[in-house]
């Protein structure tokens, strides 16, 4: 794997996780009336959770690669 591809992949993974944190955890803990989470449909929330699961699987696969 080229180094550039590796760095871009890890950076995009980090940005995805930060965005999911902002949507699902940070706003939920602030008890604000304008929280974005309350406007997400169940279908879109399921998509977000699928993204999180895919992200987890990708990270686990990355961690099990020999030589890393």
PDB file of N, CA and C in Angstrom:
ATOM      1  N   UNK A   1       0.854  -1.181   0.000  1.00  0.00           N
ATOM      2  CA  UNK A   1       0.000   0.000   0.000  1.00  0.00           C
ATOM      3  C   UNK A   1       0.894   1.235   0.000  1.00  0.00           C
ATOM      4  N   UNK A   2       0.673   2.141  -0.935  1.00  0.00           N
ATOM      5  CA  UNK A   2       1.451   3.382  -0.939  1.00  0.00           C
ATOM      6  C   UNK A   2       1.185   4.202   0.334  1.00  0.00           C
ATOM      7  N   UNK A   3       2.213   4.870   0.809  1.00  0.00           N
ATOM      8  CA  UNK A   3       2.107   5.647   2.042  1.00  0.00           C
ATOM      9  C   UNK A   3       1.014   6.705   1.946  1.00  0.00           C
ATOM     10  N   UNK A   4       0.921   7.374   0.807  1.00  0.00           N
ATOM     11  CA  UNK A   4      -0.091   8.422   0.626  1.00  0.00           C
ATOM     12  C   UNK A   4      -1.503   7.849   0.774  1.00  0.00           C
ATOM     13  N   UNK A   5      -1.748   6.689   0.189  1.00  0.00           N
ATOM     14  CA  UNK A   5      -3.058   6.045   0.290  1.00  0.00           C
ATOM     15  C   UNK A   5      -3.371   5.701   1.739  1.00  0.00           C
ATOM     16  N   UNK A   6      -2.381   5.230   2.454  1.00  0.00           N
ATOM     17  CA  UNK A   6      -2.553   4.887   3.859  1.00  0.00           C
ATOM     18  C   UNK A   6      -2.922   6.114   4.687  1.00  0.00           C
ATOM     19  N   UNK A   7      -2.212   7.212   4.485  1.00  0.00           N
ATOM     20  CA  UNK A   7      -2.475   8.437   5.237  1.00  0.00           C
ATOM     21  C   UNK A   7      -3.855   8.995   4.908  1.00  0.00           C
ATOM     22  N   UNK A   8      -4.220   9.030   3.641  1.00  0.00           N
ATOM     23  CA  UNK A   8      -5.538   9.537   3.244  1.00  0.00           C
ATOM     24  C   UNK A   8      -6.643   8.673   3.834  1.00  0.00           C
ATOM     25  N   UNK A   9      -6.453   7.379   3.824  1.00  0.00           N
ATOM     26  CA  UNK A   9      -7.450   6.465   4.386  1.00  0.00           C
ATOM     27  C   UNK A   9      -7.624   6.686   5.883  1.00  0.00           C
ATOM     28  N   UNK A  10      -6.527   6.800   6.607  1.00  0.00           N
ATOM     29  CA  UNK A  10      -6.609   7.023   8.050  1.00  0.00           C
ATOM     30  C   UNK A  10      -7.216   8.378   8.382  1.00  0.00           C
ATOM     31  N   UNK A  11      -6.875   9.396   7.614  1.00  0.00           N
ATOM     32  CA  UNK A  11      -7.430  10.725   7.856  1.00  0.00           C
ATOM     33  C   UNK A  11      -8.930  10.759   7.594  1.00  0.00           C
ATOM     34  N   UNK A  12      -9.377  10.134   6.515  1.00  0.00           N
ATOM     35  CA  UNK A  12     -10.813  10.117   6.226  1.00  0.00           C
ATOM     36  C   UNK A  12     -11.564   9.314   7.285  1.00  0.00           C
ATOM     37  N   UNK A  13     -10.954   8.262   7.784  1.00  0.00           N
ATOM     38  CA  UNK A  13     -11.554   7.476   8.863  1.00  0.00           C
ATOM     39  C   UNK A  13     -11.699   8.330  10.120  1.00  0.00           C
ATOM     40  N   UNK A  14     -10.684   9.107  10.443  1.00  0.00           N
ATOM     41  CA  UNK A  14     -10.727   9.975  11.617  1.00  0.00           C
ATOM     42  C   UNK A  14     -11.812  11.037  11.476  1.00  0.00           C
ATOM     43  N   UNK A  15     -11.927  11.647  10.305  1.00  0.00           N
ATOM     44  CA  UNK A  15     -12.948  12.670  10.071  1.00  0.00           C
ATOM     45  C   UNK A  15     -14.345  12.069  10.196  1.00  0.00           C
ATOM     46  N   UNK A  16     -14.536  10.872   9.660  1.00  0.00           N
ATOM     47  CA  UNK A  16     -15.826  10.193   9.782  1.00  0.00           C
ATOM     48  C   UNK A  16     -16.187   9.981  11.245  1.00  0.00           C
ATOM     49  N   UNK A  17     -15.252   9.498  12.038  1.00  0.00           N
ATOM     50  CA  UNK A  17     -15.521   9.256  13.450  1.00  0.00           C
ATOM     51  C   UNK A  17     -15.797  10.547  14.206  1.00  0.00           C
ATOM     52  N   UNK A  18     -15.093  11.612  13.886  1.00  0.00           N
ATOM     53  CA  UNK A  18     -15.347  12.897  14.534  1.00  0.00           C
ATOM     54  C   UNK A  18     -16.741  13.412  14.209  1.00  0.00           C
ATOM     55  N   UNK A  19     -17.155  13.267  12.961  1.00  0.00           N
ATOM     56  CA  UNK A  19     -18.494  13.712  12.573  1.00  0.00           C
ATOM     57  C   UNK A  19     -19.575  12.899  13.268  1.00  0.00           C
ATOM     58  N   UNK A  20     -19.388  11.589  13.347  1.00  0.00           N
ATOM     59  CA  UNK A  20     -20.359  10.749  14.043  1.00  0.00           C
ATOM     60  C   UNK A  20     -20.422  11.104  15.525  1.00  0.00           C
ATOM     61  N   UNK A  21     -19.286  11.404  16.113  1.00  0.00           N
ATOM     62  CA  UNK A  21     -19.269  11.825  17.515  1.00  0.00           C
ATOM     63  C   UNK A  21     -20.063  13.116  17.690  1.00  0.00           C
ATOM     64  N   UNK A  22     -19.826  14.073  16.814  1.00  0.00           N
ATOM     65  CA  UNK A  22     -20.535  15.349  16.908  1.00  0.00           C
ATOM     66  C   UNK A  22     -22.044  15.166  16.800  1.00  0.00           C
ATOM     67  N   UNK A  23     -22.477  14.281  15.913  1.00  0.00           N
ATOM     68  CA  UNK A  23     -23.912  14.076  15.698  1.00  0.00           C
ATOM     69  C   UNK A  23     -24.539  13.271  16.829  1.00  0.00           C
ATOM     70  N   UNK A  24     -23.899  12.189  17.233  1.00  0.00           N
ATOM     71  CA  UNK A  24     -24.539  11.234  18.137  1.00  0.00           C
ATOM     72  C   UNK A  24     -24.262  11.483  19.613  1.00  0.00           C
ATOM     73  N   UNK A  25     -23.093  11.934  19.962  1.00  0.00           N
ATOM     74  CA  UNK A  25     -22.742  11.994  21.375  1.00  0.00           C
ATOM     75  C   UNK A  25     -22.675  13.403  21.929  1.00  0.00           C
ATOM     76  N   UNK A  26     -21.960  14.272  21.267  1.00  0.00           N
ATOM     77  CA  UNK A  26     -21.738  15.597  21.825  1.00  0.00           C
ATOM     78  C   UNK A  26     -23.041  16.368  21.997  1.00  0.00           C
ATOM     79  N   UNK A  27     -23.864  16.403  20.964  1.00  0.00           N
ATOM     80  CA  UNK A  27     -25.104  17.166  21.045  1.00  0.00           C
ATOM     81  C   UNK A  27     -26.107  16.520  21.982  1.00  0.00           C
ATOM     82  N   UNK A  28     -26.094  15.203  22.076  1.00  0.00           N
ATOM     83  CA  UNK A  28     -27.043  14.516  22.956  1.00  0.00           C
ATOM     84  C   UNK A  28     -26.750  14.834  24.417  1.00  0.00           C
ATOM     85  N   UNK A  29     -25.497  15.057  24.750  1.00  0.00           N
ATOM     86  CA  UNK A  29     -25.134  15.346  26.124  1.00  0.00           C
ATOM     87  C   UNK A  29     -25.337  16.786  26.539  1.00  0.00           C
ATOM     88  N   UNK A  30     -25.615  17.667  25.606  1.00  0.00           N
ATOM     89  CA  UNK A  30     -25.744  19.085  25.927  1.00  0.00           C
ATOM     90  C   UNK A  30     -27.180  19.499  26.218  1.00  0.00           C
ATOM     91  N   UNK A  31     -28.144  18.617  25.970  1.00  0.00           N
ATOM     92  CA  UNK A  31     -29.566  18.886  26.223  1.00  0.00           C
ATOM     93  C   UNK A  31     -30.039  20.206  25.615  1.00  0.00           C
ATOM     94  N   UNK A  32     -29.627  20.464  24.415  1.00  0.00           N
ATOM     95  CA  UNK A  32     -30.078  21.670  23.724  1.00  0.00           C
ATOM     96  C   UNK A  32     -31.339  21.348  22.942  1.00  0.00           C
ATOM     97  N   UNK A  33     -32.223  22.341  22.821  1.00  0.00           N
ATOM     98  CA  UNK A  33     -33.459  22.136  22.069  1.00  0.00           C
ATOM     99  C   UNK A  33     -33.191  22.031  20.575  1.00  0.00           C
ATOM    100  N   UNK A  34     -32.113  22.607  20.087  1.00  0.00           N
ATOM    101  CA  UNK A  34     -31.813  22.587  18.664  1.00  0.00           C
ATOM    102  C   UNK A  34     -30.874  21.472  18.252  1.00  0.00           C
ATOM    103  N   UNK A  35     -30.788  20.423  19.037  1.00  0.00           N
ATOM    104  CA  UNK A  35     -29.876  19.328  18.742  1.00  0.00           C
ATOM    105  C   UNK A  35     -30.205  18.694  17.394  1.00  0.00           C
ATOM    106  N   UNK A  36     -29.174  18.428  16.623  1.00  0.00           N
ATOM    107  CA  UNK A  36     -29.335  17.848  15.291  1.00  0.00           C
ATOM    108  C   UNK A  36     -29.893  16.436  15.361  1.00  0.00           C
ATOM    109  N   UNK A  37     -29.563  15.710  16.402  1.00  0.00           N
ATOM    110  CA  UNK A  37     -29.962  14.313  16.526  1.00  0.00           C
ATOM    111  C   UNK A  37     -31.475  14.142  16.522  1.00  0.00           C
ATOM    112  N   UNK A  38     -32.203  15.062  17.086  1.00  0.00           N
ATOM    113  CA  UNK A  38     -33.660  14.908  17.149  1.00  0.00           C
ATOM    114  C   UNK A  38     -34.332  15.093  15.789  1.00  0.00           C
ATOM    115  N   UNK A  39     -33.608  15.575  14.798  1.00  0.00           N
ATOM    116  CA  UNK A  39     -34.174  15.778  13.460  1.00  0.00           C
ATOM    117  C   UNK A  39     -33.830  14.647  12.486  1.00  0.00           C
ATOM    118  N   UNK A  40     -33.048  13.681  12.924  1.00  0.00           N
ATOM    119  CA  UNK A  40     -32.637  12.582  12.054  1.00  0.00           C
ATOM    120  C   UNK A  40     -33.716  11.500  12.067  1.00  0.00           C
ATOM    121  N   UNK A  41     -34.115  11.063  10.890  1.00  0.00           N
ATOM    122  CA  UNK A  41     -35.102   9.982  10.811  1.00  0.00           C
ATOM    123  C   UNK A  41     -34.452   8.670  11.244  1.00  0.00           C
ATOM    124  N   UNK A  42     -35.287   7.702  11.588  1.00  0.00           N
ATOM    125  CA  UNK A  42     -34.767   6.397  11.996  1.00  0.00           C
ATOM    126  C   UNK A  42     -33.992   5.733  10.860  1.00  0.00           C
ATOM    127  N   UNK A  43     -34.437   5.948   9.629  1.00  0.00           N
ATOM    128  CA  UNK A  43     -33.737   5.371   8.478  1.00  0.00           C
ATOM    129  C   UNK A  43     -32.335   5.969   8.356  1.00  0.00           C
ATOM    130  N   UNK A  44     -32.228   7.279   8.491  1.00  0.00           N
ATOM    131  CA  UNK A  44     -30.916   7.921   8.407  1.00  0.00           C
ATOM    132  C   UNK A  44     -30.041   7.563   9.605  1.00  0.00           C
ATOM    133  N   UNK A  45     -30.655   7.400  10.762  1.00  0.00           N
ATOM    134  CA  UNK A  45     -29.896   6.982  11.934  1.00  0.00           C
ATOM    135  C   UNK A  45     -29.342   5.569  11.740  1.00  0.00           C
ATOM    136  N   UNK A  46     -30.127   4.696  11.115  1.00  0.00           N
ATOM    137  CA  UNK A  46     -29.651   3.347  10.812  1.00  0.00           C
ATOM    138  C   UNK A  46     -28.470   3.396   9.845  1.00  0.00           C
ATOM    139  N   UNK A  47     -28.512   4.302   8.878  1.00  0.00           N
ATOM    140  CA  UNK A  47     -27.395   4.465   7.939  1.00  0.00           C
ATOM    141  C   UNK A  47     -26.144   4.926   8.685  1.00  0.00           C
ATOM    142  N   UNK A  48     -26.318   5.860   9.619  1.00  0.00           N
ATOM    143  CA  UNK A  48     -25.183   6.348  10.405  1.00  0.00           C
ATOM    144  C   UNK A  48     -24.577   5.212  11.223  1.00  0.00           C
ATOM    145  N   UNK A  49     -25.427   4.381  11.828  1.00  0.00           N
ATOM    146  CA  UNK A  49     -24.905   3.251  12.599  1.00  0.00           C
ATOM    147  C   UNK A  49     -24.220   2.225  11.698  1.00  0.00           C
ATOM    148  N   UNK A  50     -24.720   2.039  10.487  1.00  0.00           N
ATOM    149  CA  UNK A  50     -24.046   1.153   9.530  1.00  0.00           C
ATOM    150  C   UNK A  50     -22.667   1.695   9.166  1.00  0.00           C
ATOM    151  N   UNK A  51     -22.565   3.016   8.997  1.00  0.00           N
ATOM    152  CA  UNK A  51     -21.262   3.637   8.730  1.00  0.00           C
ATOM    153  C   UNK A  51     -20.303   3.401   9.887  1.00  0.00           C
ATOM    154  N   UNK A  52     -20.823   3.539  11.095  1.00  0.00           N
ATOM    155  CA  UNK A  52     -19.985   3.323  12.266  1.00  0.00           C
ATOM    156  C   UNK A  52     -19.515   1.872  12.345  1.00  0.00           C
ATOM    157  N   UNK A  53     -20.392   0.939  12.044  1.00  0.00           N
ATOM    158  CA  UNK A  53     -20.020  -0.479  12.040  1.00  0.00           C
ATOM    159  C   UNK A  53     -18.984  -0.771  10.953  1.00  0.00           C
ATOM    160  N   UNK A  54     -19.178  -0.208   9.762  1.00  0.00           N
ATOM    161  CA  UNK A  54     -18.192  -0.382   8.686  1.00  0.00           C
ATOM    162  C   UNK A  54     -16.844   0.215   9.080  1.00  0.00           C
ATOM    163  N   UNK A  55     -16.886   1.362   9.749  1.00  0.00           N
ATOM    164  CA  UNK A  55     -15.665   1.998  10.211  1.00  0.00           C
ATOM    165  C   UNK A  55     -14.937   1.105  11.211  1.00  0.00           C
ATOM    166  N   UNK A  56     -15.683   0.519  12.119  1.00  0.00           N
ATOM    167  CA  UNK A  56     -15.097  -0.391  13.106  1.00  0.00           C
ATOM    168  C   UNK A  56     -14.474  -1.606  12.421  1.00  0.00           C
ATOM    169  N   UNK A  57     -15.192  -2.178  11.477  1.00  0.00           N
ATOM    170  CA  UNK A  57     -14.672  -3.357  10.769  1.00  0.00           C
ATOM    171  C   UNK A  57     -13.404  -3.021   9.991  1.00  0.00           C
ATOM    172  N   UNK A  58     -13.392  -1.855   9.365  1.00  0.00           N
ATOM    173  CA  UNK A  58     -12.212  -1.421   8.617  1.00  0.00           C
ATOM    174  C   UNK A  58     -11.022  -1.248   9.549  1.00  0.00           C
ATOM    175  N   UNK A  59     -11.258  -0.649  10.707  1.00  0.00           N
ATOM    176  CA  UNK A  59     -10.177  -0.450  11.671  1.00  0.00           C
ATOM    177  C   UNK A  59      -9.651  -1.785  12.187  1.00  0.00           C
ATOM    178  N   UNK A  60     -10.543  -2.719  12.465  1.00  0.00           N
ATOM    179  CA  UNK A  60     -10.119  -4.039  12.932  1.00  0.00           C
ATOM    180  C   UNK A  60      -9.312  -4.766  11.853  1.00  0.00           C
ATOM    181  N   UNK A  61      -9.771  -4.666  10.615  1.00  0.00           N
ATOM    182  CA  UNK A  61      -9.042  -5.292   9.510  1.00  0.00           C
ATOM    183  C   UNK A  61      -7.662  -4.670   9.361  1.00  0.00           C
ATOM    184  N   UNK A  62      -7.584  -3.357   9.485  1.00  0.00           N
ATOM    185  CA  UNK A  62      -6.310  -2.658   9.380  1.00  0.00           C
ATOM    186  C   UNK A  62      -5.361  -3.109  10.488  1.00  0.00           C
ATOM    187  N   UNK A  63      -5.882  -3.248  11.701  1.00  0.00           N
ATOM    188  CA  UNK A  63      -5.046  -3.626  12.840  1.00  0.00           C
ATOM    189  C   UNK A  63      -4.520  -5.051  12.744  1.00  0.00           C
ATOM    190  N   UNK A  64      -5.192  -5.909  11.992  1.00  0.00           N
ATOM    191  CA  UNK A  64      -4.751  -7.303  11.901  1.00  0.00           C
ATOM    192  C   UNK A  64      -3.794  -7.552  10.744  1.00  0.00           C
ATOM    193  N   UNK A  65      -3.486  -6.527   9.970  1.00  0.00           N
ATOM    194  CA  UNK A  65      -2.542  -6.701   8.862  1.00  0.00           C
ATOM    195  C   UNK A  65      -1.147  -6.976   9.412  1.00  0.00           C
ATOM    196  N   UNK A  66      -0.464  -7.956   8.854  1.00  0.00           N
ATOM    197  CA  UNK A  66       0.895  -8.238   9.326  1.00  0.00           C
ATOM    198  C   UNK A  66       1.851  -7.106   8.947  1.00  0.00           C
ATOM    199  N   UNK A  67       2.748  -6.816   9.864  1.00  0.00           N
ATOM    200  CA  UNK A  67       3.771  -5.821   9.584  1.00  0.00           C
ATOM    201  C   UNK A  67       3.359  -4.392   9.844  1.00  0.00           C
ATOM    202  N   UNK A  68       2.196  -4.184  10.449  1.00  0.00           N
ATOM    203  CA  UNK A  68       1.795  -2.803  10.743  1.00  0.00           C
ATOM    204  C   UNK A  68       1.896  -2.529  12.211  1.00  0.00           C
TER     205      UNK A  68
END
